C-alpha atoms as a PDB file:
ATOM      1  CA  MET A   1      -0.401   0.527   0.026  1.00  0.00           C
ATOM      2  CA  ARG A   2       1.084   3.399  -0.584  1.00  0.00           C
ATOM      3  CA  VAL A   3      -0.357   6.665   0.494  1.00  0.00           C
ATOM      4  CA  ILE A   4      -0.026  10.027  -0.140  1.00  0.00           C
ATOM      5  CA  ILE A   5      -0.788  12.832   2.314  1.00  0.00           C
ATOM      6  CA  GLY A   6      -1.154  16.349   2.871  1.00  0.00           C
ATOM      7  CA  ALA A   7      -2.846  18.922   5.158  1.00  0.00           C
ATOM      8  CA  ASP A   8      -2.813  22.452   6.075  1.00  0.00           C
ATOM      9  CA  HIS A   9      -2.093  24.646   8.756  1.00  0.00           C
ATOM     10  CA  ASN A  10      -4.804  23.563  10.886  1.00  0.00           C
ATOM     11  CA  GLY A  11      -4.477  19.404  10.439  1.00  0.00           C
ATOM     12  CA  PHE A  12      -0.381  19.202  10.088  1.00  0.00           C
ATOM     13  CA  GLU A  13      -0.342  17.744  13.944  1.00  0.00           C
ATOM     14  CA  MET A  14      -3.241  15.122  13.187  1.00  0.00           C
ATOM     15  CA  LYS A  15      -1.652  14.139   9.831  1.00  0.00           C
ATOM     16  CA  ASP A  16       2.447  13.782  11.482  1.00  0.00           C
ATOM     17  CA  ARG A  17       0.856  11.146  13.774  1.00  0.00           C
ATOM     18  CA  ILE A  18      -0.705   9.891  11.038  1.00  0.00           C
ATOM     19  CA  VAL A  19       2.770   9.411   8.901  1.00  0.00           C
ATOM     20  CA  ALA A  20       4.332   8.589  11.795  1.00  0.00           C
ATOM     21  CA  HIS A  21       1.951   5.558  12.563  1.00  0.00           C
ATOM     22  CA  LEU A  22       2.183   4.535   9.172  1.00  0.00           C
ATOM     23  CA  ARG A  23       5.258   3.828   8.916  1.00  0.00           C
ATOM     24  CA  GLU A  24       5.675   2.522  12.033  1.00  0.00           C
ATOM     25  CA  ASN A  25       3.429  -0.279  10.670  1.00  0.00           C
ATOM     26  CA  GLY A  26       5.361  -0.498   7.064  1.00  0.00           C
ATOM     27  CA  ILE A  27       2.683   1.421   4.918  1.00  0.00           C
ATOM     28  CA  GLU A  28       5.105   3.624   2.335  1.00  0.00           C
ATOM     29  CA  VAL A  29       4.079   7.441   2.803  1.00  0.00           C
ATOM     30  CA  LYS A  30       4.561  10.486   0.439  1.00  0.00           C
ATOM     31  CA  ASP A  31       3.858  13.394   2.371  1.00  0.00           C
ATOM     32  CA  LEU A  32       3.004  16.487   0.681  1.00  0.00           C
ATOM     33  CA  GLY A  33       3.003  19.018   3.848  1.00  0.00           C
ATOM     34  CA  THR A  34       2.417  21.521   5.221  1.00  0.00           C
ATOM     35  CA  ALA A  35       5.223  20.838   8.210  1.00  0.00           C
ATOM     36  CA  GLY A  36       4.022  23.948  10.291  1.00  0.00           C
ATOM     37  CA  PRO A  37       1.543  26.380  11.539  1.00  0.00           C
ATOM     38  CA  GLU A  38       1.748  29.289   8.964  1.00  0.00           C
ATOM     39  CA  ARG A  39      -1.369  29.864   7.270  1.00  0.00           C
ATOM     40  CA  VAL A  40      -1.661  28.532   3.694  1.00  0.00           C
ATOM     41  CA  LEU A  41      -4.279  27.641   1.332  1.00  0.00           C
ATOM     42  CA  VAL A  42      -5.158  23.621   2.004  1.00  0.00           C
ATOM     43  CA  GLU A  43      -6.106  23.438  -1.574  1.00  0.00           C
ATOM     44  CA  GLU A  44      -2.693  23.485  -2.261  1.00  0.00           C
ATOM     45  CA  TYR A  45      -2.205  20.250  -0.905  1.00  0.00           C
ATOM     46  CA  ALA A  46      -5.856  18.643  -1.587  1.00  0.00           C
ATOM     47  CA  VAL A  47      -5.036  19.151  -5.439  1.00  0.00           C
ATOM     48  CA  GLY A  48      -1.685  16.991  -5.035  1.00  0.00           C
ATOM     49  CA  VAL A  49      -3.135  14.074  -3.021  1.00  0.00           C
ATOM     50  CA  ALA A  50      -5.941  14.149  -5.405  1.00  0.00           C
ATOM     51  CA  ALA A  51      -3.408  13.862  -8.063  1.00  0.00           C
ATOM     52  CA  GLY A  52      -1.805  10.934  -6.763  1.00  0.00           C
ATOM     53  CA  VAL A  53      -4.979   8.961  -6.056  1.00  0.00           C
ATOM     54  CA  ALA A  54      -6.190   9.614  -9.076  1.00  0.00           C
ATOM     55  CA  GLY A  55      -3.147   9.245 -11.175  1.00  0.00           C
ATOM     56  CA  GLY A  56      -3.267   5.157  -9.828  1.00  0.00           C
ATOM     57  CA  GLU A  57       0.278   5.907  -8.144  1.00  0.00           C
ATOM     58  CA  PHE A  58      -0.868   5.992  -4.283  1.00  0.00           C
ATOM     59  CA  ASP A  59      -3.962   4.023  -2.670  1.00  0.00           C
ATOM     60  CA  ALA A  60      -6.714   6.202  -1.832  1.00  0.00           C
ATOM     61  CA  LEU A  61      -7.111   6.847   2.173  1.00  0.00           C
ATOM     62  CA  ALA A  62     -10.273   5.347   2.900  1.00  0.00           C
ATOM     63  CA  ARG A  63      -8.894   2.406   2.450  1.00  0.00           C
ATOM     64  CA  LEU A  64      -6.309   3.090   5.581  1.00  0.00           C
ATOM     65  CA  ALA A  65      -9.646   1.316   7.787  1.00  0.00           C
ATOM     66  CA  GLU A  66      -8.153  -1.776   6.202  1.00  0.00           C
ATOM     67  CA  LEU A  67      -5.178  -1.450   8.922  1.00  0.00           C
ATOM     68  CA  GLU A  68      -7.125  -1.874  11.532  1.00  0.00           C
ATOM     69  CA  ARG A  69      -8.208  -5.175  11.019  1.00  0.00           C
END
């Protein structure tokens, strides 16, 4: 499974925890950012995540529920 993830300034701390958890469980993760509290537009990251999933390079985040099994 390959996962791509991104977040704006409001969600970067949660994103970082998710990324760490996935990597600890052997999941390949491409983190598009952001990496800090500086204000950014979520669209800057959402477009990159959507393109990665739509292009088939990464699995949809909805599939992360499979990790719970």
